[in-house]
C-alpha atoms as a PDB file:
ATOM      1  CA  MET A   1      10.601  37.284 151.740  1.00  0.00           C
ATOM      2  CA  ASP A   2      13.302  39.338 150.678  1.00  0.00           C
ATOM      3  CA  MET A   3      15.539  37.550 147.827  1.00  0.00           C
ATOM      4  CA  ASN A   4      18.459  39.672 148.757  1.00  0.00           C
ATOM      5  CA  THR A   5      19.003  38.192 152.236  1.00  0.00           C
ATOM      6  CA  ALA A   6      17.566  35.021 152.556  1.00  0.00           C
ATOM      7  CA  THR A   7      19.881  32.648 150.844  1.00  0.00           C
ATOM      8  CA  SER A   8      21.708  32.849 154.788  1.00  0.00           C
ATOM      9  CA  PRO A   9      21.639  29.325 155.762  1.00  0.00           C
ATOM     10  CA  HIS A  10      19.383  28.148 158.553  1.00  0.00           C
ATOM     11  CA  GLU A  11      21.143  27.567 162.234  1.00  0.00           C
ATOM     12  CA  PRO A  12      21.714  23.999 162.981  1.00  0.00           C
ATOM     13  CA  GLY A  13      19.210  24.038 165.724  1.00  0.00           C
ATOM     14  CA  ASP A  14      16.255  24.988 163.825  1.00  0.00           C
ATOM     15  CA  ALA A  15      16.792  23.331 159.771  1.00  0.00           C
ATOM     16  CA  PRO A  16      14.117  20.891 159.139  1.00  0.00           C
ATOM     17  CA  LEU A  17      15.670  17.894 157.862  1.00  0.00           C
ATOM     18  CA  ILE A  18      15.574  18.134 154.061  1.00  0.00           C
ATOM     19  CA  SER A  19      15.675  14.407 152.001  1.00  0.00           C
ATOM     20  CA  ILE A  20      17.384  14.773 149.056  1.00  0.00           C
ATOM     21  CA  VAL A  21      15.900  12.175 147.301  1.00  0.00           C
ATOM     22  CA  VAL A  22      17.939  11.675 143.544  1.00  0.00           C
ATOM     23  CA  PRO A  23      17.370   9.162 140.721  1.00  0.00           C
ATOM     24  CA  CYS A  24      19.718   8.146 138.807  1.00  0.00           C
ATOM     25  CA  PHE A  25      19.845   6.336 135.520  1.00  0.00           C
ATOM     26  CA  ASN A  26      22.840   5.892 133.170  1.00  0.00           C
ATOM     27  CA  ALA A  27      24.598   9.774 134.496  1.00  0.00           C
ATOM     28  CA  MET A  28      28.308   8.733 134.445  1.00  0.00           C
ATOM     29  CA  ARG A  29      29.559  11.471 132.967  1.00  0.00           C
ATOM     30  CA  TYR A  30      28.087  14.005 135.844  1.00  0.00           C
ATOM     31  CA  LEU A  31      27.767  12.126 139.178  1.00  0.00           C
ATOM     32  CA  ASP A  32      31.293  13.654 140.742  1.00  0.00           C
ATOM     33  CA  GLU A  33      30.276  17.334 139.761  1.00  0.00           C
ATOM     34  CA  SER A  34      26.533  16.633 140.653  1.00  0.00           C
ATOM     35  CA  LEU A  35      26.880  15.036 143.871  1.00  0.00           C
ATOM     36  CA  ARG A  36      29.729  17.431 144.364  1.00  0.00           C
ATOM     37  CA  SER A  37      27.177  20.416 144.100  1.00  0.00           C
ATOM     38  CA  ILE A  38      25.028  18.332 147.022  1.00  0.00           C
ATOM     39  CA  TYR A  39      27.348  18.092 149.454  1.00  0.00           C
ATOM     40  CA  ALA A  40      28.372  22.270 148.799  1.00  0.00           C
ATOM     41  CA  GLN A  41      24.932  23.047 149.768  1.00  0.00           C
ATOM     42  CA  ASP A  42      25.077  25.943 152.697  1.00  0.00           C
ATOM     43  CA  TYR A  43      21.850  23.939 154.798  1.00  0.00           C
ATOM     44  CA  PRO A  44      23.147  22.346 157.776  1.00  0.00           C
ATOM     45  CA  ASN A  45      20.460  19.424 157.590  1.00  0.00           C
ATOM     46  CA  PHE A  46      20.067  17.134 154.976  1.00  0.00           C
ATOM     47  CA  GLU A  47      20.006  13.702 153.676  1.00  0.00           C
ATOM     48  CA  VAL A  48      21.170  12.190 150.487  1.00  0.00           C
ATOM     49  CA  ILE A  49      19.246   8.920 149.176  1.00  0.00           C
ATOM     50  CA  VAL A  50      20.545   7.847 145.150  1.00  0.00           C
ATOM     51  CA  VAL A  51      18.720   4.990 143.751  1.00  0.00           C
ATOM     52  CA  ASP A  52      19.876   3.632 140.294  1.00  0.00           C
ATOM     53  CA  ASP A  53      17.336   3.152 138.235  1.00  0.00           C
ATOM     54  CA  GLY A  54      19.050  -0.172 135.937  1.00  0.00           C
ATOM     55  CA  SER A  55      21.839   2.136 134.753  1.00  0.00           C
ATOM     56  CA  SER A  56      23.917   0.500 131.923  1.00  0.00           C
ATOM     57  CA  ASP A  57      26.970   2.623 131.415  1.00  0.00           C
ATOM     58  CA  GLY A  58      28.740   2.304 134.839  1.00  0.00           C
ATOM     59  CA  SER A  59      26.767   4.539 137.161  1.00  0.00           C
ATOM     60  CA  LEU A  60      26.091   2.403 139.951  1.00  0.00           C
ATOM     61  CA  GLU A  61      29.483   1.023 140.295  1.00  0.00           C
ATOM     62  CA  ARG A  62      30.824   4.557 140.682  1.00  0.00           C
ATOM     63  CA  LEU A  63      28.238   5.422 142.592  1.00  0.00           C
ATOM     64  CA  ARG A  64      29.807   2.410 145.295  1.00  0.00           C
ATOM     65  CA  GLU A  65      33.134   3.923 144.960  1.00  0.00           C
ATOM     66  CA  LEU A  66      31.271   7.328 145.726  1.00  0.00           C
ATOM     67  CA  GLN A  67      29.745   6.332 148.858  1.00  0.00           C
ATOM     68  CA  ALA A  68      33.537   5.728 150.603  1.00  0.00           C
ATOM     69  CA  GLU A  69      33.662  10.356 149.804  1.00  0.00           C
ATOM     70  CA  TYR A  70      29.552  11.332 150.453  1.00  0.00           C
ATOM     71  CA  ASP A  71      27.433  10.009 153.420  1.00  0.00           C
ATOM     72  CA  PHE A  72      24.617   8.882 151.123  1.00  0.00           C
ATOM     73  CA  GLN A  73      22.300   6.024 150.575  1.00  0.00           C
ATOM     74  CA  LEU A  74      22.333   4.059 147.735  1.00  0.00           C
ATOM     75  CA  PHE A  75      19.303   1.455 146.517  1.00  0.00           C
ATOM     76  CA  SER A  76      19.119  -0.350 143.260  1.00  0.00           C
ATOM     77  CA  GLN A  77      16.321  -1.171 141.063  1.00  0.00           C
ATOM     78  CA  THR A  78      15.648  -2.683 137.851  1.00  0.00           C
ATOM     79  CA  ASN A  79      14.952  -0.057 135.220  1.00  0.00           C
ATOM     80  CA  ALA A  80      11.785   1.242 136.306  1.00  0.00           C
ATOM     81  CA  GLY A  81      11.130   4.716 135.478  1.00  0.00           C
ATOM     82  CA  VAL A  82      12.132   8.178 137.340  1.00  0.00           C
ATOM     83  CA  SER A  83       8.963   7.770 139.114  1.00  0.00           C
ATOM     84  CA  ALA A  84       9.275   4.218 140.564  1.00  0.00           C
ATOM     85  CA  ALA A  85      12.690   5.558 141.499  1.00  0.00           C
ATOM     86  CA  LEU A  86      11.214   8.364 143.424  1.00  0.00           C
ATOM     87  CA  ASN A  87       8.644   6.188 145.136  1.00  0.00           C
ATOM     88  CA  HIS A  88      11.715   3.446 146.044  1.00  0.00           C
ATOM     89  CA  GLY A  89      13.526   6.353 147.750  1.00  0.00           C
ATOM     90  CA  LEU A  90      10.669   8.142 149.295  1.00  0.00           C
ATOM     91  CA  GLN A  91      10.308   4.989 151.131  1.00  0.00           C
ATOM     92  CA  HIS A  92      13.852   5.503 153.169  1.00  0.00           C
ATOM     93  CA  ALA A  93      12.956   9.800 153.444  1.00  0.00           C
ATOM     94  CA  ARG A  94      12.798  10.880 156.888  1.00  0.00           C
ATOM     95  CA  GLY A  95      13.280  14.260 155.691  1.00  0.00           C
ATOM     96  CA  VAL A  96      10.251  17.075 156.915  1.00  0.00           C
ATOM     97  CA  TYR A  97      10.718  18.560 152.702  1.00  0.00           C
ATOM     98  CA  VAL A  98      11.700  16.259 150.055  1.00  0.00           C
ATOM     99  CA  ALA A  99      14.144  17.521 146.995  1.00  0.00           C
ATOM    100  CA  THR A 100      14.413  15.558 143.830  1.00  0.00           C
ATOM    101  CA  PRO A 101      17.535  16.544 141.448  1.00  0.00           C
ATOM    102  CA  ASP A 102      18.884  15.113 139.054  1.00  0.00           C
ATOM    103  CA  LEU A 103      22.413  13.591 139.179  1.00  0.00           C
ATOM    104  CA  ASP A 104      23.314  15.169 135.682  1.00  0.00           C
ATOM    105  CA  ASP A 105      22.695  19.077 137.299  1.00  0.00           C
ATOM    106  CA  ILE A 106      24.607  21.359 139.184  1.00  0.00           C
ATOM    107  CA  MET A 107      22.937  22.977 142.474  1.00  0.00           C
ATOM    108  CA  LEU A 108      24.526  26.293 143.312  1.00  0.00           C
ATOM    109  CA  PRO A 109      24.959  26.372 146.913  1.00  0.00           C
ATOM    110  CA  HIS A 110      21.550  28.445 148.985  1.00  0.00           C
ATOM    111  CA  SER A 111      19.461  25.795 146.241  1.00  0.00           C
ATOM    112  CA  LEU A 112      18.344  23.679 149.696  1.00  0.00           C
ATOM    113  CA  GLY A 113      18.479  27.071 152.311  1.00  0.00           C
ATOM    114  CA  LEU A 114      16.694  29.090 149.925  1.00  0.00           C
ATOM    115  CA  ARG A 115      13.759  26.869 149.373  1.00  0.00           C
ATOM    116  CA  ALA A 116      13.527  25.482 153.091  1.00  0.00           C
ATOM    117  CA  ARG A 117      13.455  28.798 154.262  1.00  0.00           C
ATOM    118  CA  TYR A 118      10.850  29.501 152.070  1.00  0.00           C
ATOM    119  CA  LEU A 119       8.326  26.307 152.952  1.00  0.00           C
ATOM    120  CA  ASP A 120       9.329  27.687 156.880  1.00  0.00           C
ATOM    121  CA  GLU A 121       7.931  30.970 156.134  1.00  0.00           C
ATOM    122  CA  HIS A 122       4.865  29.520 153.528  1.00  0.00           C
ATOM    123  CA  PRO A 123       3.282  27.319 155.588  1.00  0.00           C
ATOM    124  CA  GLU A 124       0.191  27.171 153.174  1.00  0.00           C
ATOM    125  CA  VAL A 125       3.022  26.645 150.015  1.00  0.00           C
ATOM    126  CA  GLY A 126       2.976  22.911 149.156  1.00  0.00           C
ATOM    127  CA  CYS A 127       5.496  23.073 146.939  1.00  0.00           C
ATOM    128  CA  VAL A 128       7.885  26.045 145.880  1.00  0.00           C
ATOM    129  CA  GLY A 129      10.050  26.211 142.771  1.00  0.00           C
ATOM    130  CA  ALA A 130      12.527  28.236 141.146  1.00  0.00           C
ATOM    131  CA  LEU A 131      14.650  29.468 138.526  1.00  0.00           C
ATOM    132  CA  VAL A 132      17.240  28.242 136.321  1.00  0.00           C
ATOM    133  CA  THR A 133      20.414  28.363 134.018  1.00  0.00           C
ATOM    134  CA  TYR A 134      20.328  26.221 131.134  1.00  0.00           C
ATOM    135  CA  ILE A 135      24.066  24.914 130.608  1.00  0.00           C
ATOM    136  CA  ASP A 136      24.866  22.092 127.078  1.00  0.00           C
ATOM    137  CA  PRO A 137      26.357  18.691 128.661  1.00  0.00           C
ATOM    138  CA  ASP A 138      29.793  20.558 129.028  1.00  0.00           C
ATOM    139  CA  GLY A 139      29.126  22.629 131.131  1.00  0.00           C
ATOM    140  CA  ARG A 140      29.103  26.503 129.402  1.00  0.00           C
ATOM    141  CA  THR A 141      26.226  28.791 129.666  1.00  0.00           C
ATOM    142  CA  LEU A 142      23.208  28.675 127.166  1.00  0.00           C
ATOM    143  CA  LYS A 143      21.014  30.800 128.786  1.00  0.00           C
ATOM    144  CA  GLU A 144      19.423  31.461 132.350  1.00  0.00           C
ATOM    145  CA  GLN A 145      15.603  32.155 133.807  1.00  0.00           C
ATOM    146  CA  SER A 146      14.790  35.095 134.795  1.00  0.00           C
ATOM    147  CA  ALA A 147      11.791  37.109 137.151  1.00  0.00           C
ATOM    148  CA  SER A 148      11.029  39.597 139.264  1.00  0.00           C
ATOM    149  CA  VAL A 149       8.488  38.721 141.925  1.00  0.00           C
ATOM    150  CA  VAL A 150       6.900  35.397 143.062  1.00  0.00           C
ATOM    151  CA  ARG A 151       4.830  33.674 140.865  1.00  0.00           C
ATOM    152  CA  GLU A 152       1.835  31.842 142.317  1.00  0.00           C
ATOM    153  CA  TRP A 153       0.210  29.187 140.258  1.00  0.00           C
ATOM    154  CA  SER A 154      -3.186  28.249 139.887  1.00  0.00           C
ATOM    155  CA  PHE A 155      -4.067  24.719 139.302  1.00  0.00           C
ATOM    156  CA  GLU A 156      -6.861  26.097 135.859  1.00  0.00           C
ATOM    157  CA  GLU A 157      -3.161  27.564 134.753  1.00  0.00           C
ATOM    158  CA  ILE A 158      -0.967  24.489 135.257  1.00  0.00           C
ATOM    159  CA  PHE A 159      -3.516  22.661 133.480  1.00  0.00           C
ATOM    160  CA  CYS A 160      -4.427  24.858 131.081  1.00  0.00           C
ATOM    161  CA  GLU A 161      -0.995  25.450 129.890  1.00  0.00           C
ATOM    162  CA  ALA A 162       0.237  22.128 130.655  1.00  0.00           C
ATOM    163  CA  MET A 163       3.178  24.148 133.202  1.00  0.00           C
ATOM    164  CA  VAL A 164       5.371  22.603 135.527  1.00  0.00           C
ATOM    165  CA  ILE A 165       7.579  22.748 138.108  1.00  0.00           C
ATOM    166  CA  GLY A 166      10.740  21.112 137.382  1.00  0.00           C
ATOM    167  CA  ALA A 167      12.062  17.854 139.917  1.00  0.00           C
ATOM    168  CA  PRO A 168      15.702  20.124 140.018  1.00  0.00           C
ATOM    169  CA  VAL A 169      13.681  23.218 141.282  1.00  0.00           C
ATOM    170  CA  SER A 170      11.434  21.807 143.480  1.00  0.00           C
ATOM    171  CA  LEU A 171      10.882  21.298 147.068  1.00  0.00           C
ATOM    172  CA  TYR A 172       8.022  19.748 148.303  1.00  0.00           C
ATOM    173  CA  ARG A 173       6.520  18.839 151.803  1.00  0.00           C
ATOM    174  CA  MET A 174       6.546  15.241 153.007  1.00  0.00           C
ATOM    175  CA  ASP A 175       2.889  15.082 154.215  1.00  0.00           C
ATOM    176  CA  VAL A 176       1.691  16.369 150.810  1.00  0.00           C
ATOM    177  CA  LEU A 177       3.560  14.199 149.169  1.00  0.00           C
ATOM    178  CA  ARG A 178       1.862  11.319 150.836  1.00  0.00           C
ATOM    179  CA  GLN A 179      -1.447  12.722 150.807  1.00  0.00           C
ATOM    180  CA  VAL A 180      -1.522  12.433 146.938  1.00  0.00           C
ATOM    181  CA  GLY A 181      -0.112   8.891 147.045  1.00  0.00           C
ATOM    182  CA  PHE A 182       3.878   9.884 145.992  1.00  0.00           C
ATOM    183  CA  TYR A 183       3.995   8.650 142.168  1.00  0.00           C
ATOM    184  CA  ASP A 184       2.047   7.316 139.903  1.00  0.00           C
ATOM    185  CA  PRO A 185       5.043   4.518 138.862  1.00  0.00           C
ATOM    186  CA  GLN A 186       2.831   4.167 135.443  1.00  0.00           C
ATOM    187  CA  ILE A 187       3.742   7.534 134.103  1.00  0.00           C
ATOM    188  CA  ARG A 188       7.749   7.821 133.223  1.00  0.00           C
ATOM    189  CA  VAL A 189       7.931  11.709 133.132  1.00  0.00           C
ATOM    190  CA  GLN A 190       7.549  12.302 137.386  1.00  0.00           C
ATOM    191  CA  ASP A 191       7.309  16.425 137.421  1.00  0.00           C
ATOM    192  CA  PHE A 192       4.723  17.728 135.723  1.00  0.00           C
ATOM    193  CA  GLN A 193       2.022  15.149 137.432  1.00  0.00           C
ATOM    194  CA  MET A 194       3.238  16.405 141.287  1.00  0.00           C
ATOM    195  CA  THR A 195       2.402  19.265 140.182  1.00  0.00           C
ATOM    196  CA  LEU A 196      -0.456  18.744 139.647  1.00  0.00           C
ATOM    197  CA  ARG A 197      -1.668  16.225 142.436  1.00  0.00           C
ATOM    198  CA  ILE A 198      -0.122  19.229 144.308  1.00  0.00           C
ATOM    199  CA  SER A 199      -2.285  21.744 143.180  1.00  0.00           C
ATOM    200  CA  ALA A 200      -5.584  19.793 142.246  1.00  0.00           C
ATOM    201  CA  ALA A 201      -5.502  18.931 146.188  1.00  0.00           C
ATOM    202  CA  GLY A 202      -5.900  22.685 147.770  1.00  0.00           C
ATOM    203  CA  HIS A 203      -2.219  23.345 148.216  1.00  0.00           C
ATOM    204  CA  PRO A 204      -0.359  26.740 146.349  1.00  0.00           C
ATOM    205  CA  THR A 205       2.335  26.543 144.473  1.00  0.00           C
ATOM    206  CA  HIS A 206       5.149  29.239 144.156  1.00  0.00           C
ATOM    207  CA  VAL A 207       7.888  29.648 141.762  1.00  0.00           C
ATOM    208  CA  LEU A 208      10.833  32.134 143.161  1.00  0.00           C
ATOM    209  CA  PRO A 209      12.693  34.537 140.972  1.00  0.00           C
ATOM    210  CA  VAL A 210      15.671  33.056 141.662  1.00  0.00           C
ATOM    211  CA  VAL A 211      18.014  30.940 139.912  1.00  0.00           C
ATOM    212  CA  VAL A 212      19.375  27.642 141.744  1.00  0.00           C
ATOM    213  CA  THR A 213      20.107  25.536 139.459  1.00  0.00           C
ATOM    214  CA  ARG A 214      22.472  24.799 136.178  1.00  0.00           C
ATOM    215  CA  TYR A 215      20.446  22.624 134.127  1.00  0.00           C
ATOM    216  CA  ARG A 216      22.297  20.312 131.873  1.00  0.00           C
ATOM    217  CA  ARG A 217      20.711  19.927 128.503  1.00  0.00           C
ATOM    218  CA  HIS A 218      21.938  16.559 126.373  1.00  0.00           C
ATOM    219  CA  PRO A 219      19.833  14.243 123.737  1.00  0.00           C
ATOM    220  CA  ASN A 220      18.845  11.717 126.650  1.00  0.00           C
ATOM    221  CA  ASN A 221      16.872  14.411 128.434  1.00  0.00           C
ATOM    222  CA  LEU A 222      13.677  12.730 129.589  1.00  0.00           C
ATOM    223  CA  SER A 223      11.885  15.801 128.709  1.00  0.00           C
ATOM    224  CA  ARG A 224      13.388  15.939 125.183  1.00  0.00           C
ATOM    225  CA  ASN A 225      11.765  12.726 124.658  1.00  0.00           C
ATOM    226  CA  TYR A 226       8.532  13.728 123.153  1.00  0.00           C
ATOM    227  CA  ARG A 227       6.824  10.286 122.945  1.00  0.00           C
ATOM    228  CA  VAL A 228       7.113   9.339 126.559  1.00  0.00           C
ATOM    229  CA  LEU A 229       6.759  12.761 128.030  1.00  0.00           C
ATOM    230  CA  LEU A 230       3.256  12.638 125.312  1.00  0.00           C
ATOM    231  CA  ASP A 231       2.494   9.260 127.260  1.00  0.00           C
ATOM    232  CA  ALA A 232       3.241  10.618 130.900  1.00  0.00           C
ATOM    233  CA  ASP A 233       1.226  13.771 130.010  1.00  0.00           C
ATOM    234  CA  LEU A 234      -1.848  12.817 128.132  1.00  0.00           C
ATOM    235  CA  LYS A 235      -2.005  10.305 131.837  1.00  0.00           C
ATOM    236  CA  ALA A 236      -1.043  12.873 134.053  1.00  0.00           C
ATOM    237  CA  ILE A 237      -4.194  14.585 133.444  1.00  0.00           C
ATOM    238  CA  GLU A 238      -6.399  11.694 132.302  1.00  0.00           C
ATOM    239  CA  PRO A 239      -7.690  11.563 136.198  1.00  0.00           C
ATOM    240  CA  TYR A 240      -9.291  15.533 135.233  1.00  0.00           C
ATOM    241  CA  ARG A 241     -11.386  13.765 132.404  1.00  0.00           C
ATOM    242  CA  GLN A 242     -14.356  15.105 133.772  1.00  0.00           C
ATOM    243  CA  HIS A 243     -13.011  18.802 134.364  1.00  0.00           C
ATOM    244  CA  PRO A 244     -14.362  21.052 132.806  1.00  0.00           C
ATOM    245  CA  LEU A 245     -10.897  22.662 131.368  1.00  0.00           C
ATOM    246  CA  TYR A 246      -9.256  18.755 130.753  1.00  0.00           C
ATOM    247  CA  GLU A 247      -9.726  19.341 126.586  1.00  0.00           C
ATOM    248  CA  ARG A 248      -7.666  22.980 126.780  1.00  0.00           C
ATOM    249  CA  GLY A 249      -5.076  20.680 129.029  1.00  0.00           C
ATOM    250  CA  ARG A 250      -5.077  18.231 126.579  1.00  0.00           C
ATOM    251  CA  VAL A 251      -4.155  20.607 123.668  1.00  0.00           C
ATOM    252  CA  ALA A 252      -1.458  22.454 126.059  1.00  0.00           C
ATOM    253  CA  VAL A 253       0.140  18.721 126.628  1.00  0.00           C
ATOM    254  CA  ILE A 254      -0.068  18.217 122.739  1.00  0.00           C
ATOM    255  CA  ASN A 255       1.283  21.249 121.683  1.00  0.00           C
ATOM    256  CA  LYS A 256       4.364  20.684 124.559  1.00  0.00           C
ATOM    257  CA  ALA A 257       5.714  17.365 123.195  1.00  0.00           C
ATOM    258  CA  LEU A 258       4.828  19.143 119.555  1.00  0.00           C
ATOM    259  CA  LYS A 259       7.924  21.336 120.720  1.00  0.00           C
ATOM    260  CA  TYR A 260      10.303  18.322 119.802  1.00  0.00           C
ATOM    261  CA  ALA A 261       8.572  16.103 116.920  1.00  0.00           C
ATOM    262  CA  VAL A 262       8.407  18.907 114.501  1.00  0.00           C
ATOM    263  CA  VAL A 263      11.752  19.220 114.577  1.00  0.00           C
ATOM    264  CA  GLN A 264      12.355  15.319 114.940  1.00  0.00           C
ATOM    265  CA  ASN A 265       9.984  13.303 113.030  1.00  0.00           C
ATOM    266  CA  ARG A 266       7.830  14.766 110.713  1.00  0.00           C
ATOM    267  CA  ARG A 267       5.140  12.171 109.729  1.00  0.00           C
ATOM    268  CA  ASP A 268       4.859  12.308 114.398  1.00  0.00           C
ATOM    269  CA  ALA A 269       4.106  15.793 114.297  1.00  0.00           C
ATOM    270  CA  TRP A 270       1.422  15.354 111.774  1.00  0.00           C
ATOM    271  CA  ARG A 271      -0.020  12.568 113.580  1.00  0.00           C
ATOM    272  CA  MET A 272      -0.552  14.194 116.886  1.00  0.00           C
ATOM    273  CA  ILE A 273      -1.795  17.466 115.311  1.00  0.00           C
ATOM    274  CA  CYS A 274      -4.341  15.836 113.811  1.00  0.00           C
ATOM    275  CA  MET A 275      -5.360  14.803 116.962  1.00  0.00           C
ATOM    276  CA  ILE A 276      -6.112  18.321 118.105  1.00  0.00           C
ATOM    277  CA  PRO A 277      -9.951  18.894 116.623  1.00  0.00           C
ATOM    278  CA  TRP A 278      -9.741  22.176 114.459  1.00  0.00           C
ATOM    279  CA  ARG A 279     -11.980  24.555 116.999  1.00  0.00           C
ATOM    280  CA  LEU A 280      -9.319  23.711 119.923  1.00  0.00           C
ATOM    281  CA  MET A 281      -5.929  24.619 117.350  1.00  0.00           C
ATOM    282  CA  ASP A 282      -4.367  27.644 119.360  1.00  0.00           C
ATOM    283  CA  ARG A 283      -1.839  29.911 118.485  1.00  0.00           C
ATOM    284  CA  THR A 284       0.658  27.338 119.876  1.00  0.00           C
ATOM    285  CA  THR A 285      -0.622  24.794 117.739  1.00  0.00           C
ATOM    286  CA  LEU A 286      -0.270  27.035 114.773  1.00  0.00           C
ATOM    287  CA  LYS A 287       2.986  27.490 115.457  1.00  0.00           C
ATOM    288  CA  ARG A 288       4.271  24.314 115.975  1.00  0.00           C
ATOM    289  CA  ALA A 289       2.340  23.257 112.245  1.00  0.00           C
ATOM    290  CA  ARG A 290       4.317  26.522 110.634  1.00  0.00           C
ATOM    291  CA  ARG A 291       7.894  24.809 111.628  1.00  0.00           C
ATOM    292  CA  LEU A 292       6.715  21.551 110.562  1.00  0.00           C
ATOM    293  CA  LEU A 293       6.295  23.236 107.572  1.00  0.00           C
ATOM    294  CA  PHE A 294       9.241  25.071 106.790  1.00  0.00           C
ATOM    295  CA  HIS A 295      11.381  22.653 108.816  1.00  0.00           C
ATOM    296  CA  ARG A 296      13.963  20.436 106.722  1.00  0.00           C
ATOM    297  CA  GLY A 297      15.139  18.199 109.212  1.00  0.00           C
ATOM    298  CA  GLY A 298      13.608  15.657 110.831  1.00  0.00           C
ATOM    299  CA  ARG A 299      12.147  12.391 109.672  1.00  0.00           C
ATOM    300  CA  LYS A 300       9.823  12.118 107.472  1.00  0.00           C
END
């Protein structure tokens, strides 16, 4: 696939329906800009389903107002987490492909078309991801991911390195989501569990070397809540406890949570390091431990 020409849109007659299922929790500040970017896609055939997950900042009220401008389905539920919100929306989805952006990010106009064309041309691929530009809460660029080739991830890589195709850049096949049973609502972080499930079921996962989303970093990012992240990731790998690489996978998810714990809560960080047997500590564990020893911020 030529990434320089793949951004041309499908013709309406050959464009599979994409269901854009969007969870929302306290994203009031970013709703207008995010929805505007979704409806600016150059892809001609998509539906939008928004599920408010018990927001308390006026998001639901603003979404109701925005329905007068944009044609999307809107549902609400008592706060149950993003995985439950996505399952709620998927009950109403009719698409061949499924995108799951967040309402604090910005989709670039070619985002859907690029990924949909790749799935069209690679019917064996269960999920395709891409790259992001990181922005701050005010939309200023922080850094941009880069790559030169399509990356194909194996289950062993995903499992042992806690690799994830993030929800804002994932495009899934609906039949694959059905096959793996959608999301486990008890696992509050959605993207790692789904990357694992799809790969474990034998479906290749690919990542395109193209930026498709401006990903907003702010204090309320779920991925920065290391306690929620660690709990979710440990639950995500639990079904593979008998796998010979389980211990390596467990170290990887602890290391991932440590990235934030070492600067937020020293006591928790030491507790998490102690969860890793000495014989299994790797370079990343030691790097986190060194930062913990010399970092002066965070709670004790």
